[in-house]
């Protein structure tokens, strides 16, 4: 049977690992945003670094975990095992979207102030 795809629900552990690995990139971006703001504003507020780190952590982690299941690997040729698509459970999607909204609100509130 060609073209048959099986959906596998990701474990909460898989989602957590995806979240924390991609949040490292978000933290690095948050530090970059902080130093860019530091050069533009004199002096930045005391809580600016915390807000940038938190926003980078939540935005990077949630976007990475939400989009990770969409990335497909190329199936190997002559493989007996069919490639499996991974799907997130509804609870995982809700939690990740809440983190995404929380990061956007914290960064938006910081930039508006």
PDB file of N, CA and C in Angstrom:
ATOM      1  N   UNK A   1       0.836  -1.179   0.000  1.00  0.00           N
ATOM      2  CA  UNK A   1       0.000   0.000   0.000  1.00  0.00           C
ATOM      3  C   UNK A   1       0.876   1.236   0.000  1.00  0.00           C
ATOM      4  N   UNK A   2       0.719   1.997  -1.013  1.00  0.00           N
ATOM      5  CA  UNK A   2       1.513   3.196  -1.118  1.00  0.00           C
ATOM      6  C   UNK A   2       0.691   4.399  -0.675  1.00  0.00           C
ATOM      7  N   UNK A   3       1.314   5.309   0.030  1.00  0.00           N
ATOM      8  CA  UNK A   3       0.642   6.528   0.441  1.00  0.00           C
ATOM      9  C   UNK A   3      -0.126   6.416   1.751  1.00  0.00           C
ATOM     10  N   UNK A   4      -0.017   5.294   2.436  1.00  0.00           N
ATOM     11  CA  UNK A   4      -0.708   5.134   3.713  1.00  0.00           C
ATOM     12  C   UNK A   4       0.157   5.747   4.802  1.00  0.00           C
ATOM     13  N   UNK A   5      -0.396   6.693   5.535  1.00  0.00           N
ATOM     14  CA  UNK A   5       0.329   7.355   6.613  1.00  0.00           C
ATOM     15  C   UNK A   5      -0.376   7.063   7.928  1.00  0.00           C
ATOM     16  N   UNK A   6       0.422   6.777   8.931  1.00  0.00           N
ATOM     17  CA  UNK A   6      -0.123   6.515  10.247  1.00  0.00           C
ATOM     18  C   UNK A   6       0.150   7.727  11.131  1.00  0.00           C
ATOM     19  N   UNK A   7      -0.845   8.119  11.901  1.00  0.00           N
ATOM     20  CA  UNK A   7      -0.668   9.234  12.830  1.00  0.00           C
ATOM     21  C   UNK A   7      -0.315   8.682  14.201  1.00  0.00           C
ATOM     22  N   UNK A   8       0.745   9.197  14.768  1.00  0.00           N
ATOM     23  CA  UNK A   8       1.177   8.798  16.102  1.00  0.00           C
ATOM     24  C   UNK A   8       1.121  10.031  16.980  1.00  0.00           C
ATOM     25  N   UNK A   9       0.472   9.927  18.110  1.00  0.00           N
ATOM     26  CA  UNK A   9       0.402  11.050  19.044  1.00  0.00           C
ATOM     27  C   UNK A   9       1.700  11.117  19.824  1.00  0.00           C
ATOM     28  N   UNK A  10       2.262  12.312  19.895  1.00  0.00           N
ATOM     29  CA  UNK A  10       3.524  12.491  20.605  1.00  0.00           C
ATOM     30  C   UNK A  10       3.300  12.396  22.102  1.00  0.00           C
ATOM     31  N   UNK A  11       4.277  11.820  22.776  1.00  0.00           N
ATOM     32  CA  UNK A  11       4.241  11.740  24.231  1.00  0.00           C
ATOM     33  C   UNK A  11       4.441  13.130  24.819  1.00  0.00           C
ATOM     34  N   UNK A  12       3.961  13.354  26.045  1.00  0.00           N
ATOM     35  CA  UNK A  12       4.256  14.631  26.708  1.00  0.00           C
ATOM     36  C   UNK A  12       5.761  14.843  26.891  1.00  0.00           C
ATOM     37  N   UNK A  13       6.508  13.754  27.061  1.00  0.00           N
ATOM     38  CA  UNK A  13       7.958  13.864  27.195  1.00  0.00           C
ATOM     39  C   UNK A  13       8.581  14.372  25.893  1.00  0.00           C
ATOM     40  N   UNK A  14       8.103  13.884  24.740  1.00  0.00           N
ATOM     41  CA  UNK A  14       8.601  14.364  23.450  1.00  0.00           C
ATOM     42  C   UNK A  14       8.317  15.849  23.266  1.00  0.00           C
ATOM     43  N   UNK A  15       7.119  16.264  23.629  1.00  0.00           N
ATOM     44  CA  UNK A  15       6.742  17.678  23.501  1.00  0.00           C
ATOM     45  C   UNK A  15       7.596  18.533  24.428  1.00  0.00           C
ATOM     46  N   UNK A  16       7.845  18.063  25.643  1.00  0.00           N
ATOM     47  CA  UNK A  16       8.663  18.800  26.607  1.00  0.00           C
ATOM     48  C   UNK A  16      10.096  18.938  26.111  1.00  0.00           C
ATOM     49  N   UNK A  17      10.644  17.871  25.563  1.00  0.00           N
ATOM     50  CA  UNK A  17      12.012  17.921  25.031  1.00  0.00           C
ATOM     51  C   UNK A  17      12.081  18.902  23.860  1.00  0.00           C
ATOM     52  N   UNK A  18      11.099  18.844  22.945  1.00  0.00           N
ATOM     53  CA  UNK A  18      11.063  19.794  21.832  1.00  0.00           C
ATOM     54  C   UNK A  18      10.971  21.230  22.336  1.00  0.00           C
ATOM     55  N   UNK A  19      10.140  21.446  23.365  1.00  0.00           N
ATOM     56  CA  UNK A  19       9.955  22.785  23.924  1.00  0.00           C
ATOM     57  C   UNK A  19      11.272  23.324  24.482  1.00  0.00           C
ATOM     58  N   UNK A  20      11.942  22.539  25.320  1.00  0.00           N
ATOM     59  CA  UNK A  20      13.138  23.048  25.979  1.00  0.00           C
ATOM     60  C   UNK A  20      14.329  23.168  25.035  1.00  0.00           C
ATOM     61  N   UNK A  21      14.439  22.287  24.050  1.00  0.00           N
ATOM     62  CA  UNK A  21      15.546  22.412  23.105  1.00  0.00           C
ATOM     63  C   UNK A  21      15.394  23.652  22.222  1.00  0.00           C
ATOM     64  N   UNK A  22      14.176  23.926  21.784  1.00  0.00           N
ATOM     65  CA  UNK A  22      13.992  25.112  20.943  1.00  0.00           C
ATOM     66  C   UNK A  22      13.923  26.396  21.769  1.00  0.00           C
ATOM     67  N   UNK A  23      13.640  26.273  23.060  1.00  0.00           N
ATOM     68  CA  UNK A  23      13.632  27.479  23.897  1.00  0.00           C
ATOM     69  C   UNK A  23      15.045  28.008  24.118  1.00  0.00           C
ATOM     70  N   UNK A  24      16.061  27.149  23.972  1.00  0.00           N
ATOM     71  CA  UNK A  24      17.444  27.616  24.087  1.00  0.00           C
ATOM     72  C   UNK A  24      17.733  28.635  22.990  1.00  0.00           C
ATOM     73  N   UNK A  25      17.256  28.350  21.784  1.00  0.00           N
ATOM     74  CA  UNK A  25      17.420  29.296  20.680  1.00  0.00           C
ATOM     75  C   UNK A  25      16.647  30.579  20.976  1.00  0.00           C
ATOM     76  N   UNK A  26      15.448  30.448  21.537  1.00  0.00           N
ATOM     77  CA  UNK A  26      14.660  31.629  21.892  1.00  0.00           C
ATOM     78  C   UNK A  26      15.329  32.484  22.944  1.00  0.00           C
ATOM     79  N   UNK A  27      16.000  31.858  23.904  1.00  0.00           N
ATOM     80  CA  UNK A  27      16.718  32.619  24.936  1.00  0.00           C
ATOM     81  C   UNK A  27      17.868  33.395  24.306  1.00  0.00           C
ATOM     82  N   UNK A  28      18.580  32.757  23.383  1.00  0.00           N
ATOM     83  CA  UNK A  28      19.678  33.465  22.708  1.00  0.00           C
ATOM     84  C   UNK A  28      19.158  34.650  21.903  1.00  0.00           C
ATOM     85  N   UNK A  29      18.011  34.484  21.262  1.00  0.00           N
ATOM     86  CA  UNK A  29      17.399  35.595  20.528  1.00  0.00           C
ATOM     87  C   UNK A  29      16.949  36.683  21.499  1.00  0.00           C
ATOM     88  N   UNK A  30      16.412  36.290  22.659  1.00  0.00           N
ATOM     89  CA  UNK A  30      16.008  37.263  23.672  1.00  0.00           C
ATOM     90  C   UNK A  30      17.176  38.090  24.182  1.00  0.00           C
ATOM     91  N   UNK A  31      18.339  37.449  24.370  1.00  0.00           N
ATOM     92  CA  UNK A  31      19.538  38.186  24.792  1.00  0.00           C
ATOM     93  C   UNK A  31      19.958  39.160  23.692  1.00  0.00           C
ATOM     94  N   UNK A  32      19.853  38.724  22.430  1.00  0.00           N
ATOM     95  CA  UNK A  32      20.179  39.628  21.316  1.00  0.00           C
ATOM     96  C   UNK A  32      19.247  40.821  21.260  1.00  0.00           C
ATOM     97  N   UNK A  33      17.958  40.590  21.497  1.00  0.00           N
ATOM     98  CA  UNK A  33      16.988  41.691  21.512  1.00  0.00           C
ATOM     99  C   UNK A  33      17.294  42.652  22.663  1.00  0.00           C
ATOM    100  N   UNK A  34      17.662  42.103  23.807  1.00  0.00           N
ATOM    101  CA  UNK A  34      17.988  42.954  24.958  1.00  0.00           C
ATOM    102  C   UNK A  34      19.161  43.871  24.646  1.00  0.00           C
ATOM    103  N   UNK A  35      20.229  43.311  24.074  1.00  0.00           N
ATOM    104  CA  UNK A  35      21.395  44.152  23.783  1.00  0.00           C
ATOM    105  C   UNK A  35      21.118  45.127  22.647  1.00  0.00           C
ATOM    106  N   UNK A  36      20.235  44.762  21.720  1.00  0.00           N
ATOM    107  CA  UNK A  36      19.841  45.714  20.680  1.00  0.00           C
ATOM    108  C   UNK A  36      19.049  46.866  21.287  1.00  0.00           C
ATOM    109  N   UNK A  37      18.143  46.549  22.221  1.00  0.00           N
ATOM    110  CA  UNK A  37      17.384  47.600  22.896  1.00  0.00           C
ATOM    111  C   UNK A  37      18.279  48.444  23.794  1.00  0.00           C
ATOM    112  N   UNK A  38      19.282  47.814  24.373  1.00  0.00           N
ATOM    113  CA  UNK A  38      20.196  48.528  25.252  1.00  0.00           C
ATOM    114  C   UNK A  38      20.970  49.593  24.469  1.00  0.00           C
ATOM    115  N   UNK A  39      21.295  49.273  23.225  1.00  0.00           N
ATOM    116  CA  UNK A  39      21.997  50.255  22.397  1.00  0.00           C
ATOM    117  C   UNK A  39      21.062  51.362  21.922  1.00  0.00           C
ATOM    118  N   UNK A  40      19.767  51.060  21.787  1.00  0.00           N
ATOM    119  CA  UNK A  40      18.819  52.062  21.304  1.00  0.00           C
ATOM    120  C   UNK A  40      18.290  52.959  22.425  1.00  0.00           C
ATOM    121  N   UNK A  41      18.037  52.371  23.601  1.00  0.00           N
ATOM    122  CA  UNK A  41      17.469  53.130  24.719  1.00  0.00           C
ATOM    123  C   UNK A  41      18.545  53.346  25.781  1.00  0.00           C
ATOM    124  N   UNK A  42      18.593  54.506  26.347  1.00  0.00           N
ATOM    125  CA  UNK A  42      19.565  54.776  27.400  1.00  0.00           C
ATOM    126  C   UNK A  42      18.835  55.208  28.640  1.00  0.00           C
ATOM    127  N   UNK A  43      18.935  54.662  29.751  1.00  0.00           N
ATOM    128  CA  UNK A  43      19.291  53.283  30.074  1.00  0.00           C
ATOM    129  C   UNK A  43      18.041  52.402  29.986  1.00  0.00           C
ATOM    130  N   UNK A  44      18.186  51.109  29.757  1.00  0.00           N
ATOM    131  CA  UNK A  44      17.008  50.231  29.717  1.00  0.00           C
ATOM    132  C   UNK A  44      16.475  49.979  31.129  1.00  0.00           C
ATOM    133  N   UNK A  45      15.204  49.654  31.246  1.00  0.00           N
ATOM    134  CA  UNK A  45      14.658  49.344  32.581  1.00  0.00           C
ATOM    135  C   UNK A  45      15.359  48.135  33.195  1.00  0.00           C
ATOM    136  N   UNK A  46      15.296  48.040  34.507  1.00  0.00           N
ATOM    137  CA  UNK A  46      15.981  46.943  35.210  1.00  0.00           C
ATOM    138  C   UNK A  46      15.404  45.583  34.854  1.00  0.00           C
ATOM    139  N   UNK A  47      14.138  45.530  34.590  1.00  0.00           N
ATOM    140  CA  UNK A  47      13.493  44.251  34.320  1.00  0.00           C
ATOM    141  C   UNK A  47      13.544  43.868  32.839  1.00  0.00           C
ATOM    142  N   UNK A  48      14.226  44.647  32.016  1.00  0.00           N
ATOM    143  CA  UNK A  48      14.239  44.400  30.574  1.00  0.00           C
ATOM    144  C   UNK A  48      14.867  43.056  30.228  1.00  0.00           C
ATOM    145  N   UNK A  49      15.957  42.694  30.887  1.00  0.00           N
ATOM    146  CA  UNK A  49      16.606  41.421  30.591  1.00  0.00           C
ATOM    147  C   UNK A  49      15.695  40.255  30.950  1.00  0.00           C
ATOM    148  N   UNK A  50      15.012  40.345  32.089  1.00  0.00           N
ATOM    149  CA  UNK A  50      14.105  39.266  32.498  1.00  0.00           C
ATOM    150  C   UNK A  50      12.954  39.096  31.512  1.00  0.00           C
ATOM    151  N   UNK A  51      12.396  40.207  31.061  1.00  0.00           N
ATOM    152  CA  UNK A  51      11.281  40.146  30.116  1.00  0.00           C
ATOM    153  C   UNK A  51      11.742  39.564  28.788  1.00  0.00           C
ATOM    154  N   UNK A  52      12.906  39.985  28.304  1.00  0.00           N
ATOM    155  CA  UNK A  52      13.416  39.464  27.031  1.00  0.00           C
ATOM    156  C   UNK A  52      13.745  37.979  27.128  1.00  0.00           C
ATOM    157  N   UNK A  53      14.316  37.559  28.246  1.00  0.00           N
ATOM    158  CA  UNK A  53      14.605  36.131  28.428  1.00  0.00           C
ATOM    159  C   UNK A  53      13.324  35.315  28.519  1.00  0.00           C
ATOM    160  N   UNK A  54      12.340  35.795  29.271  1.00  0.00           N
ATOM    161  CA  UNK A  54      11.083  35.068  29.402  1.00  0.00           C
ATOM    162  C   UNK A  54      10.343  34.995  28.074  1.00  0.00           C
ATOM    163  N   UNK A  55      10.303  36.103  27.346  1.00  0.00           N
ATOM    164  CA  UNK A  55       9.622  36.114  26.053  1.00  0.00           C
ATOM    165  C   UNK A  55      10.336  35.207  25.060  1.00  0.00           C
ATOM    166  N   UNK A  56      11.648  35.228  25.048  1.00  0.00           N
ATOM    167  CA  UNK A  56      12.387  34.335  24.162  1.00  0.00           C
ATOM    168  C   UNK A  56      12.171  32.881  24.519  1.00  0.00           C
ATOM    169  N   UNK A  57      12.138  32.577  25.817  1.00  0.00           N
ATOM    170  CA  UNK A  57      11.916  31.207  26.282  1.00  0.00           C
ATOM    171  C   UNK A  57      10.545  30.695  25.851  1.00  0.00           C
ATOM    172  N   UNK A  58       9.512  31.489  26.110  1.00  0.00           N
ATOM    173  CA  UNK A  58       8.161  31.017  25.798  1.00  0.00           C
ATOM    174  C   UNK A  58       7.880  31.022  24.302  1.00  0.00           C
ATOM    175  N   UNK A  59       8.297  32.059  23.611  1.00  0.00           N
ATOM    176  CA  UNK A  59       8.035  32.124  22.170  1.00  0.00           C
ATOM    177  C   UNK A  59       8.828  31.067  21.408  1.00  0.00           C
ATOM    178  N   UNK A  60      10.108  30.956  21.710  1.00  0.00           N
ATOM    179  CA  UNK A  60      10.935  29.970  21.015  1.00  0.00           C
ATOM    180  C   UNK A  60      10.499  28.549  21.298  1.00  0.00           C
ATOM    181  N   UNK A  61      10.229  28.260  22.556  1.00  0.00           N
ATOM    182  CA  UNK A  61       9.827  26.905  22.926  1.00  0.00           C
ATOM    183  C   UNK A  61       8.491  26.499  22.349  1.00  0.00           C
ATOM    184  N   UNK A  62       7.506  27.380  22.434  1.00  0.00           N
ATOM    185  CA  UNK A  62       6.177  27.017  21.943  1.00  0.00           C
ATOM    186  C   UNK A  62       6.144  26.939  20.423  1.00  0.00           C
ATOM    187  N   UNK A  63       6.795  27.875  19.739  1.00  0.00           N
ATOM    188  CA  UNK A  63       6.824  27.801  18.279  1.00  0.00           C
ATOM    189  C   UNK A  63       7.582  26.573  17.800  1.00  0.00           C
ATOM    190  N   UNK A  64       8.683  26.273  18.460  1.00  0.00           N
ATOM    191  CA  UNK A  64       9.452  25.085  18.071  1.00  0.00           C
ATOM    192  C   UNK A  64       8.684  23.805  18.281  1.00  0.00           C
ATOM    193  N   UNK A  65       7.996  23.686  19.403  1.00  0.00           N
ATOM    194  CA  UNK A  65       7.240  22.467  19.676  1.00  0.00           C
ATOM    195  C   UNK A  65       5.998  22.365  18.791  1.00  0.00           C
ATOM    196  N   UNK A  66       5.361  23.498  18.484  1.00  0.00           N
ATOM    197  CA  UNK A  66       4.187  23.459  17.609  1.00  0.00           C
ATOM    198  C   UNK A  66       4.556  23.121  16.165  1.00  0.00           C
ATOM    199  N   UNK A  67       5.669  23.625  15.708  1.00  0.00           N
ATOM    200  CA  UNK A  67       6.056  23.424  14.308  1.00  0.00           C
ATOM    201  C   UNK A  67       6.917  22.184  14.097  1.00  0.00           C
ATOM    202  N   UNK A  68       7.388  21.575  15.164  1.00  0.00           N
ATOM    203  CA  UNK A  68       8.270  20.405  15.038  1.00  0.00           C
ATOM    204  C   UNK A  68       7.559  19.240  14.366  1.00  0.00           C
ATOM    205  N   UNK A  69       6.289  19.071  14.653  1.00  0.00           N
ATOM    206  CA  UNK A  69       5.587  17.916  14.075  1.00  0.00           C
ATOM    207  C   UNK A  69       5.280  18.124  12.594  1.00  0.00           C
ATOM    208  N   UNK A  70       5.412  19.342  12.105  1.00  0.00           N
ATOM    209  CA  UNK A  70       5.158  19.607  10.689  1.00  0.00           C
ATOM    210  C   UNK A  70       6.361  19.304   9.811  1.00  0.00           C
ATOM    211  N   UNK A  71       7.532  19.258  10.419  1.00  0.00           N
ATOM    212  CA  UNK A  71       8.740  18.992   9.651  1.00  0.00           C
ATOM    213  C   UNK A  71       8.810  17.498   9.364  1.00  0.00           C
ATOM    214  N   UNK A  72       8.908  17.163   8.121  1.00  0.00           N
ATOM    215  CA  UNK A  72       8.949  15.757   7.728  1.00  0.00           C
ATOM    216  C   UNK A  72      10.355  15.398   7.293  1.00  0.00           C
ATOM    217  N   UNK A  73      10.796  14.237   7.703  1.00  0.00           N
ATOM    218  CA  UNK A  73      12.080  13.750   7.237  1.00  0.00           C
ATOM    219  C   UNK A  73      11.860  12.948   5.959  1.00  0.00           C
ATOM    220  N   UNK A  74      12.876  12.933   5.137  1.00  0.00           N
ATOM    221  CA  UNK A  74      12.799  12.142   3.920  1.00  0.00           C
ATOM    222  C   UNK A  74      12.814  10.663   4.288  1.00  0.00           C
ATOM    223  N   UNK A  75      11.883   9.894   3.758  1.00  0.00           N
ATOM    224  CA  UNK A  75      11.932   8.457   4.056  1.00  0.00           C
ATOM    225  C   UNK A  75      13.118   7.807   3.345  1.00  0.00           C
ATOM    226  N   UNK A  76      13.687   6.828   4.007  1.00  0.00           N
ATOM    227  CA  UNK A  76      14.814   6.124   3.411  1.00  0.00           C
ATOM    228  C   UNK A  76      14.324   5.208   2.295  1.00  0.00           C
ATOM    229  N   UNK A  77      15.141   5.067   1.302  1.00  0.00           N
ATOM    230  CA  UNK A  77      14.785   4.170   0.210  1.00  0.00           C
ATOM    231  C   UNK A  77      14.918   2.723   0.671  1.00  0.00           C
ATOM    232  N   UNK A  78      14.108   1.883   0.117  1.00  0.00           N
ATOM    233  CA  UNK A  78      14.120   0.448   0.394  1.00  0.00           C
ATOM    234  C   UNK A  78      13.881   0.148   1.869  1.00  0.00           C
ATOM    235  N   UNK A  79      13.113   0.987   2.540  1.00  0.00           N
ATOM    236  CA  UNK A  79      12.798   0.771   3.943  1.00  0.00           C
ATOM    237  C   UNK A  79      11.499  -0.011   4.047  1.00  0.00           C
ATOM    238  N   UNK A  80      11.474  -0.947   4.955  1.00  0.00           N
ATOM    239  CA  UNK A  80      10.269  -1.746   5.143  1.00  0.00           C
ATOM    240  C   UNK A  80       9.257  -1.043   6.028  1.00  0.00           C
ATOM    241  N   UNK A  81       9.721  -0.068   6.813  1.00  0.00           N
ATOM    242  CA  UNK A  81       8.841   0.639   7.739  1.00  0.00           C
ATOM    243  C   UNK A  81       8.347   1.909   7.064  1.00  0.00           C
ATOM    244  N   UNK A  82       7.047   2.077   7.040  1.00  0.00           N
ATOM    245  CA  UNK A  82       6.465   3.274   6.427  1.00  0.00           C
ATOM    246  C   UNK A  82       6.735   4.489   7.308  1.00  0.00           C
ATOM    247  N   UNK A  83       6.964   5.661   6.713  1.00  0.00           N
ATOM    248  CA  UNK A  83       7.174   6.868   7.527  1.00  0.00           C
ATOM    249  C   UNK A  83       5.911   7.198   8.314  1.00  0.00           C
ATOM    250  N   UNK A  84       6.108   7.636   9.555  1.00  0.00           N
ATOM    251  CA  UNK A  84       4.968   7.947  10.424  1.00  0.00           C
ATOM    252  C   UNK A  84       4.918   9.432  10.673  1.00  0.00           C
ATOM    253  N   UNK A  85       3.744   9.995  10.553  1.00  0.00           N
ATOM    254  CA  UNK A  85       3.529  11.394  10.912  1.00  0.00           C
ATOM    255  C   UNK A  85       3.246  11.465  12.397  1.00  0.00           C
ATOM    256  N   UNK A  86       3.721  12.533  13.023  1.00  0.00           N
ATOM    257  CA  UNK A  86       3.458  12.721  14.438  1.00  0.00           C
ATOM    258  C   UNK A  86       2.435  13.828  14.603  1.00  0.00           C
ATOM    259  N   UNK A  87       1.536  13.640  15.531  1.00  0.00           N
ATOM    260  CA  UNK A  87       0.498  14.625  15.789  1.00  0.00           C
ATOM    261  C   UNK A  87       0.509  14.958  17.274  1.00  0.00           C
ATOM    262  N   UNK A  88       0.200  16.196  17.592  1.00  0.00           N
ATOM    263  CA  UNK A  88       0.134  16.628  18.981  1.00  0.00           C
ATOM    264  C   UNK A  88      -1.255  16.373  19.527  1.00  0.00           C
ATOM    265  N   UNK A  89      -1.316  16.050  20.807  1.00  0.00           N
ATOM    266  CA  UNK A  89      -2.617  15.878  21.444  1.00  0.00           C
ATOM    267  C   UNK A  89      -3.257  17.255  21.632  1.00  0.00           C
ATOM    268  N   UNK A  90      -4.580  17.308  21.749  1.00  0.00           N
ATOM    269  CA  UNK A  90      -5.247  18.608  21.931  1.00  0.00           C
ATOM    270  C   UNK A  90      -4.792  19.339  23.202  1.00  0.00           C
ATOM    271  N   UNK A  91      -4.503  18.607  24.264  1.00  0.00           N
ATOM    272  CA  UNK A  91      -4.054  19.248  25.502  1.00  0.00           C
ATOM    273  C   UNK A  91      -2.683  19.895  25.289  1.00  0.00           C
ATOM    274  N   UNK A  92      -1.790  19.201  24.578  1.00  0.00           N
ATOM    275  CA  UNK A  92      -0.470  19.765  24.299  1.00  0.00           C
ATOM    276  C   UNK A  92      -0.580  21.014  23.435  1.00  0.00           C
ATOM    277  N   UNK A  93      -1.468  20.977  22.458  1.00  0.00           N
ATOM    278  CA  UNK A  93      -1.654  22.145  21.596  1.00  0.00           C
ATOM    279  C   UNK A  93      -2.155  23.346  22.395  1.00  0.00           C
ATOM    280  N   UNK A  94      -3.104  23.114  23.290  1.00  0.00           N
ATOM    281  CA  UNK A  94      -3.657  24.206  24.102  1.00  0.00           C
ATOM    282  C   UNK A  94      -2.584  24.808  25.004  1.00  0.00           C
ATOM    283  N   UNK A  95      -1.787  23.952  25.654  1.00  0.00           N
ATOM    284  CA  UNK A  95      -0.736  24.446  26.546  1.00  0.00           C
ATOM    285  C   UNK A  95       0.315  25.229  25.761  1.00  0.00           C
ATOM    286  N   UNK A  96       0.712  24.714  24.593  1.00  0.00           N
ATOM    287  CA  UNK A  96       1.717  25.405  23.796  1.00  0.00           C
ATOM    288  C   UNK A  96       1.189  26.741  23.262  1.00  0.00           C
ATOM    289  N   UNK A  97      -0.076  26.786  22.865  1.00  0.00           N
ATOM    290  CA  UNK A  97      -0.658  28.049  22.398  1.00  0.00           C
ATOM    291  C   UNK A  97      -0.758  29.053  23.544  1.00  0.00           C
ATOM    292  N   UNK A  98      -1.033  28.567  24.762  1.00  0.00           N
ATOM    293  CA  UNK A  98      -1.085  29.472  25.917  1.00  0.00           C
ATOM    294  C   UNK A  98       0.293  30.078  26.189  1.00  0.00           C
ATOM    295  N   UNK A  99       1.360  29.252  26.091  1.00  0.00           N
ATOM    296  CA  UNK A  99       2.710  29.778  26.257  1.00  0.00           C
ATOM    297  C   UNK A  99       3.045  30.801  25.168  1.00  0.00           C
ATOM    298  N   UNK A 100       2.614  30.530  23.949  1.00  0.00           N
ATOM    299  CA  UNK A 100       2.863  31.461  22.846  1.00  0.00           C
ATOM    300  C   UNK A 100       2.177  32.804  23.096  1.00  0.00           C
ATOM    301  N   UNK A 101       0.928  32.762  23.525  1.00  0.00           N
ATOM    302  CA  UNK A 101       0.184  33.997  23.817  1.00  0.00           C
ATOM    303  C   UNK A 101       0.808  34.739  24.999  1.00  0.00           C
ATOM    304  N   UNK A 102       1.233  33.998  26.020  1.00  0.00           N
ATOM    305  CA  UNK A 102       1.871  34.616  27.189  1.00  0.00           C
ATOM    306  C   UNK A 102       3.170  35.321  26.805  1.00  0.00           C
ATOM    307  N   UNK A 103       3.963  34.700  25.945  1.00  0.00           N
ATOM    308  CA  UNK A 103       5.195  35.336  25.486  1.00  0.00           C
ATOM    309  C   UNK A 103       4.928  36.572  24.661  1.00  0.00           C
ATOM    310  N   UNK A 104       3.909  36.518  23.798  1.00  0.00           N
ATOM    311  CA  UNK A 104       3.568  37.685  22.981  1.00  0.00           C
ATOM    312  C   UNK A 104       3.068  38.836  23.851  1.00  0.00           C
ATOM    313  N   UNK A 105       2.261  38.525  24.844  1.00  0.00           N
ATOM    314  CA  UNK A 105       1.722  39.577  25.727  1.00  0.00           C
ATOM    315  C   UNK A 105       2.838  40.208  26.546  1.00  0.00           C
ATOM    316  N   UNK A 106       3.762  39.381  27.065  1.00  0.00           N
ATOM    317  CA  UNK A 106       4.844  39.941  27.874  1.00  0.00           C
ATOM    318  C   UNK A 106       5.768  40.816  27.029  1.00  0.00           C
ATOM    319  N   UNK A 107       6.092  40.375  25.833  1.00  0.00           N
ATOM    320  CA  UNK A 107       6.958  41.183  24.978  1.00  0.00           C
ATOM    321  C   UNK A 107       6.239  42.428  24.485  1.00  0.00           C
ATOM    322  N   UNK A 108       4.950  42.279  24.147  1.00  0.00           N
ATOM    323  CA  UNK A 108       4.171  43.445  23.690  1.00  0.00           C
ATOM    324  C   UNK A 108       3.984  44.460  24.794  1.00  0.00           C
ATOM    325  N   UNK A 109       3.721  43.997  26.009  1.00  0.00           N
ATOM    326  CA  UNK A 109       3.574  44.922  27.130  1.00  0.00           C
ATOM    327  C   UNK A 109       4.858  45.643  27.456  1.00  0.00           C
ATOM    328  N   UNK A 110       5.973  44.954  27.294  1.00  0.00           N
ATOM    329  CA  UNK A 110       7.282  45.586  27.547  1.00  0.00           C
ATOM    330  C   UNK A 110       7.573  46.649  26.496  1.00  0.00           C
ATOM    331  N   UNK A 111       7.283  46.345  25.232  1.00  0.00           N
ATOM    332  CA  UNK A 111       7.597  47.295  24.178  1.00  0.00           C
ATOM    333  C   UNK A 111       6.651  48.498  24.172  1.00  0.00           C
ATOM    334  N   UNK A 112       5.424  48.319  24.671  1.00  0.00           N
ATOM    335  CA  UNK A 112       4.487  49.438  24.730  1.00  0.00           C
ATOM    336  C   UNK A 112       4.788  50.392  25.872  1.00  0.00           C
ATOM    337  N   UNK A 113       5.426  49.881  26.914  1.00  0.00           N
ATOM    338  CA  UNK A 113       5.664  50.716  28.098  1.00  0.00           C
ATOM    339  C   UNK A 113       6.755  51.698  27.875  1.00  0.00           C
TER     340      UNK A 113
END
